[in-house]
PDB file of N, CA and C in Angstrom:
ATOM      1  N   MET A   1     -11.039  -9.678  -8.892  1.00  0.00           N
ATOM      2  CA  MET A   1     -10.997  -9.360 -10.335  1.00  0.00           C
ATOM      3  C   MET A   1      -9.841  -9.973 -11.077  1.00  0.00           C
ATOM      4  N   ILE A   2      -9.164  -9.167 -11.737  1.00  0.00           N
ATOM      5  CA  ILE A   2      -8.250  -9.641 -12.434  1.00  0.00           C
ATOM      6  C   ILE A   2      -6.798  -9.991 -11.514  1.00  0.00           C
ATOM      7  N   PHE A   3      -6.357  -9.106 -10.601  1.00  0.00           N
ATOM      8  CA  PHE A   3      -5.294  -9.509 -10.022  1.00  0.00           C
ATOM      9  C   PHE A   3      -5.388 -10.051  -8.516  1.00  0.00           C
ATOM     10  N   GLY A   4      -6.387 -10.435  -8.128  1.00  0.00           N
ATOM     11  CA  GLY A   4      -6.787 -11.107  -6.935  1.00  0.00           C
ATOM     12  C   GLY A   4      -6.787 -10.306  -5.836  1.00  0.00           C
ATOM     13  N   VAL A   5      -6.817  -8.693  -5.980  1.00  0.00           N
ATOM     14  CA  VAL A   5      -6.988  -7.844  -4.997  1.00  0.00           C
ATOM     15  C   VAL A   5      -8.287  -8.144  -4.038  1.00  0.00           C
ATOM     16  N   CYS A   6      -9.371  -8.268  -4.440  1.00  0.00           N
ATOM     17  CA  CYS A   6     -10.533  -8.528  -3.565  1.00  0.00           C
ATOM     18  C   CYS A   6     -10.263  -9.875  -2.876  1.00  0.00           C
ATOM     19  N   GLY A   7      -9.924 -10.862  -3.337  1.00  0.00           N
ATOM     20  CA  GLY A   7      -9.713 -11.999  -2.637  1.00  0.00           C
ATOM     21  C   GLY A   7      -8.527 -11.651  -1.265  1.00  0.00           C
ATOM     22  N   TRP A   8      -7.505 -11.013  -1.873  1.00  0.00           N
ATOM     23  CA  TRP A   8      -6.323 -10.608  -0.735  1.00  0.00           C
ATOM     24  C   TRP A   8      -7.058  -9.762   0.308  1.00  0.00           C
ATOM     25  N   LEU A   9      -7.898  -8.620  -0.195  1.00  0.00           N
ATOM     26  CA  LEU A   9      -8.607  -7.692   0.933  1.00  0.00           C
ATOM     27  C   LEU A   9      -9.499  -8.381   1.698  1.00  0.00           C
ATOM     28  N   ALA A  10     -10.188  -9.051   1.195  1.00  0.00           N
ATOM     29  CA  ALA A  10     -11.227 -10.146   2.028  1.00  0.00           C
ATOM     30  C   ALA A  10     -10.601 -10.995   2.949  1.00  0.00           C
ATOM     31  N   GLU A  11      -9.484 -11.566   2.674  1.00  0.00           N
ATOM     32  CA  GLU A  11      -8.599 -12.273   3.596  1.00  0.00           C
ATOM     33  C   GLU A  11      -7.994 -11.562   4.844  1.00  0.00           C
ATOM     34  N   LYS A  12      -7.668 -10.428   4.479  1.00  0.00           N
ATOM     35  CA  LYS A  12      -6.999  -9.469   5.294  1.00  0.00           C
ATOM     36  C   LYS A  12      -8.057  -8.918   6.290  1.00  0.00           C
ATOM     37  N   LEU A  13      -9.258  -8.508   5.919  1.00  0.00           N
ATOM     38  CA  LEU A  13     -10.381  -8.019   6.673  1.00  0.00           C
ATOM     39  C   LEU A  13     -11.176  -9.055   7.341  1.00  0.00           C
ATOM     40  N   GLY A  14     -11.267 -10.210   7.047  1.00  0.00           N
ATOM     41  CA  GLY A  14     -12.183 -11.256   7.247  1.00  0.00           C
ATOM     42  C   GLY A  14     -13.526 -11.275   6.727  1.00  0.00           C
ATOM     43  N   TRP A  15     -13.553 -10.373   5.771  1.00  0.00           N
ATOM     44  CA  TRP A  15     -14.918 -10.177   5.177  1.00  0.00           C
ATOM     45  C   TRP A  15     -15.071 -11.272   3.889  1.00  0.00           C
ATOM     46  N   LYS A  16     -16.329 -11.419   3.429  1.00  0.00           N
ATOM     47  CA  LYS A  16     -16.568 -12.284   2.271  1.00  0.00           C
ATOM     48  C   LYS A  16     -16.190 -11.322   1.006  1.00  0.00           C
ATOM     49  N   GLU A  17     -15.424 -12.111   0.124  1.00  0.00           N
ATOM     50  CA  GLU A  17     -15.033 -11.531  -1.231  1.00  0.00           C
ATOM     51  C   GLU A  17     -16.150 -10.984  -2.082  1.00  0.00           C
ATOM     52  N   SER A  18     -17.256 -11.406  -2.058  1.00  0.00           N
ATOM     53  CA  SER A  18     -18.372 -10.833  -2.876  1.00  0.00           C
ATOM     54  C   SER A  18     -18.519  -9.361  -2.241  1.00  0.00           C
ATOM     55  N   HIS A  19     -18.483  -9.191  -0.886  1.00  0.00           N
ATOM     56  CA  HIS A  19     -18.936  -7.829  -0.469  1.00  0.00           C
ATOM     57  C   HIS A  19     -17.849  -7.182  -0.764  1.00  0.00           C
ATOM     58  N   ILE A  20     -16.577  -7.327  -0.877  1.00  0.00           N
ATOM     59  CA  ILE A  20     -15.481  -6.422  -1.404  1.00  0.00           C
ATOM     60  C   ILE A  20     -15.646  -6.021  -2.796  1.00  0.00           C
ATOM     61  N   ARG A  21     -16.106  -6.869  -3.477  1.00  0.00           N
ATOM     62  CA  ARG A  21     -16.499  -6.655  -4.946  1.00  0.00           C
ATOM     63  C   ARG A  21     -17.782  -5.892  -5.236  1.00  0.00           C
ATOM     64  N   ILE A  22     -18.749  -6.020  -4.388  1.00  0.00           N
ATOM     65  CA  ILE A  22     -19.831  -5.046  -4.554  1.00  0.00           C
ATOM     66  C   ILE A  22     -19.378  -3.661  -4.182  1.00  0.00           C
ATOM     67  N   GLY A  23     -18.474  -3.569  -3.076  1.00  0.00           N
ATOM     68  CA  GLY A  23     -17.938  -2.318  -2.932  1.00  0.00           C
ATOM     69  C   GLY A  23     -17.252  -1.449  -3.889  1.00  0.00           C
ATOM     70  N   PHE A  24     -16.451  -2.291  -4.405  1.00  0.00           N
ATOM     71  CA  PHE A  24     -15.730  -1.681  -5.698  1.00  0.00           C
ATOM     72  C   PHE A  24     -16.734  -1.402  -6.762  1.00  0.00           C
ATOM     73  N   LEU A  25     -17.688  -2.089  -7.109  1.00  0.00           N
ATOM     74  CA  LEU A  25     -18.587  -2.042  -8.050  1.00  0.00           C
ATOM     75  C   LEU A  25     -19.389  -0.400  -7.569  1.00  0.00           C
ATOM     76  N   VAL A  26     -19.742  -0.209  -6.457  1.00  0.00           N
ATOM     77  CA  VAL A  26     -20.482   0.942  -5.910  1.00  0.00           C
ATOM     78  C   VAL A  26     -19.319   1.946  -6.030  1.00  0.00           C
ATOM     79  N   GLY A  27     -18.160   1.661  -5.706  1.00  0.00           N
ATOM     80  CA  GLY A  27     -17.176   2.804  -5.986  1.00  0.00           C
ATOM     81  C   GLY A  27     -17.109   3.250  -7.416  1.00  0.00           C
ATOM     82  N   VAL A  28     -17.237   2.464  -8.322  1.00  0.00           N
ATOM     83  CA  VAL A  28     -16.976   2.891  -9.606  1.00  0.00           C
ATOM     84  C   VAL A  28     -18.351   3.412 -10.264  1.00  0.00           C
ATOM     85  N   LEU A  29     -19.306   3.125  -9.900  1.00  0.00           N
ATOM     86  CA  LEU A  29     -20.678   3.483 -10.563  1.00  0.00           C
ATOM     87  C   LEU A  29     -21.054   4.773  -9.856  1.00  0.00           C
ATOM     88  N   VAL A  30     -20.976   4.949  -8.326  1.00  0.00           N
ATOM     89  CA  VAL A  30     -21.483   5.995  -7.748  1.00  0.00           C
ATOM     90  C   VAL A  30     -20.646   7.100  -7.359  1.00  0.00           C
ATOM     91  N   PHE A  31     -19.147   6.662  -7.066  1.00  0.00           N
ATOM     92  CA  PHE A  31     -18.228   7.815  -6.529  1.00  0.00           C
ATOM     93  C   PHE A  31     -17.105   7.731  -7.695  1.00  0.00           C
ATOM     94  N   GLY A  32     -16.975   6.897  -8.600  1.00  0.00           N
ATOM     95  CA  GLY A  32     -15.774   7.188  -9.690  1.00  0.00           C
ATOM     96  C   GLY A  32     -14.478   6.854  -9.043  1.00  0.00           C
ATOM     97  N   VAL A  33     -14.370   6.259  -8.141  1.00  0.00           N
ATOM     98  CA  VAL A  33     -13.011   6.136  -7.435  1.00  0.00           C
ATOM     99  C   VAL A  33     -12.517   4.518  -7.271  1.00  0.00           C
ATOM    100  N   GLY A  34     -13.422   3.584  -7.495  1.00  0.00           N
ATOM    101  CA  GLY A  34     -13.268   2.431  -7.453  1.00  0.00           C
ATOM    102  C   GLY A  34     -12.351   1.797  -8.092  1.00  0.00           C
ATOM    103  N   ILE A  35     -12.003   2.231  -9.351  1.00  0.00           N
ATOM    104  CA  ILE A  35     -10.813   1.819 -10.127  1.00  0.00           C
ATOM    105  C   ILE A  35      -9.495   2.272  -9.532  1.00  0.00           C
ATOM    106  N   THR A  36      -9.480   3.566  -9.054  1.00  0.00           N
ATOM    107  CA  THR A  36      -8.299   4.062  -8.357  1.00  0.00           C
ATOM    108  C   THR A  36      -7.913   3.241  -7.086  1.00  0.00           C
ATOM    109  N   MET A  37      -8.831   2.983  -6.436  1.00  0.00           N
ATOM    110  CA  MET A  37      -8.793   2.218  -5.116  1.00  0.00           C
ATOM    111  C   MET A  37      -8.234   0.885  -5.398  1.00  0.00           C
ATOM    112  N   TYR A  38      -8.594   0.287  -6.446  1.00  0.00           N
ATOM    113  CA  TYR A  38      -8.178  -1.046  -7.019  1.00  0.00           C
ATOM    114  C   TYR A  38      -6.561  -1.136  -7.165  1.00  0.00           C
ATOM    115  N   LEU A  39      -6.169   0.022  -7.960  1.00  0.00           N
ATOM    116  CA  LEU A  39      -4.912   0.106  -8.585  1.00  0.00           C
ATOM    117  C   LEU A  39      -3.938   0.502  -7.051  1.00  0.00           C
ATOM    118  N   VAL A  40      -4.385   1.213  -6.300  1.00  0.00           N
ATOM    119  CA  VAL A  40      -3.568   1.605  -5.017  1.00  0.00           C
ATOM    120  C   VAL A  40      -3.438   0.368  -4.178  1.00  0.00           C
ATOM    121  N   LEU A  41      -4.635  -0.435  -4.048  1.00  0.00           N
ATOM    122  CA  LEU A  41      -4.442  -1.655  -3.159  1.00  0.00           C
ATOM    123  C   LEU A  41      -3.513  -2.810  -4.085  1.00  0.00           C
ATOM    124  N   LEU A  42      -3.643  -2.786  -5.292  1.00  0.00           N
ATOM    125  CA  LEU A  42      -2.833  -3.736  -6.056  1.00  0.00           C
ATOM    126  C   LEU A  42      -1.344  -3.338  -5.684  1.00  0.00           C
ATOM    127  N   ILE A  43      -0.945  -2.204  -5.726  1.00  0.00           N
ATOM    128  CA  ILE A  43       0.449  -1.856  -5.359  1.00  0.00           C
ATOM    129  C   ILE A  43       0.584  -2.004  -3.751  1.00  0.00           C
ATOM    130  N   VAL A  44      -0.092  -1.853  -3.080  1.00  0.00           N
ATOM    131  CA  VAL A  44      -0.110  -2.282  -1.479  1.00  0.00           C
ATOM    132  C   VAL A  44       0.268  -3.775  -1.340  1.00  0.00           C
ATOM    133  N   LYS A  45      -0.767  -4.614  -2.385  1.00  0.00           N
ATOM    134  CA  LYS A  45      -0.685  -5.986  -2.260  1.00  0.00           C
ATOM    135  C   LYS A  45       0.785  -6.490  -2.856  1.00  0.00           C
ATOM    136  N   LEU A  46       1.288  -5.961  -3.760  1.00  0.00           N
ATOM    137  CA  LEU A  46       2.430  -6.337  -4.391  1.00  0.00           C
ATOM    138  C   LEU A  46       3.762  -6.038  -3.508  1.00  0.00           C
ATOM    139  N   LEU A  47       3.606  -4.823  -2.966  1.00  0.00           N
ATOM    140  CA  LEU A  47       4.691  -4.376  -1.981  1.00  0.00           C
ATOM    141  C   LEU A  47       4.639  -5.022  -0.631  1.00  0.00           C
ATOM    142  N   SER A  48       3.704  -5.424  -0.200  1.00  0.00           N
ATOM    143  CA  SER A  48       3.521  -6.419   1.079  1.00  0.00           C
ATOM    144  C   SER A  48       4.108  -7.886   0.913  1.00  0.00           C
ATOM    145  N   LYS A  49       4.570  -8.411  -0.278  1.00  0.00           N
ATOM    146  CA  LYS A  49       4.936  -9.737  -0.187  1.00  0.00           C
ATOM    147  C   LYS A  49       6.429  -9.706   0.334  1.00  0.00           C
TER     148      LYS A  49
END
């Protein structure tokens, strides 16, 4: 999305980026945790460099 977390996570897991984005969308709409997960993964991405 904005910070490249979906692309980074897709690369690490070997999944398609579109599947990761759909997962975040479902997380936001159904569970309400997608935004929090995105921010946590952004921090992990930044710290792993």
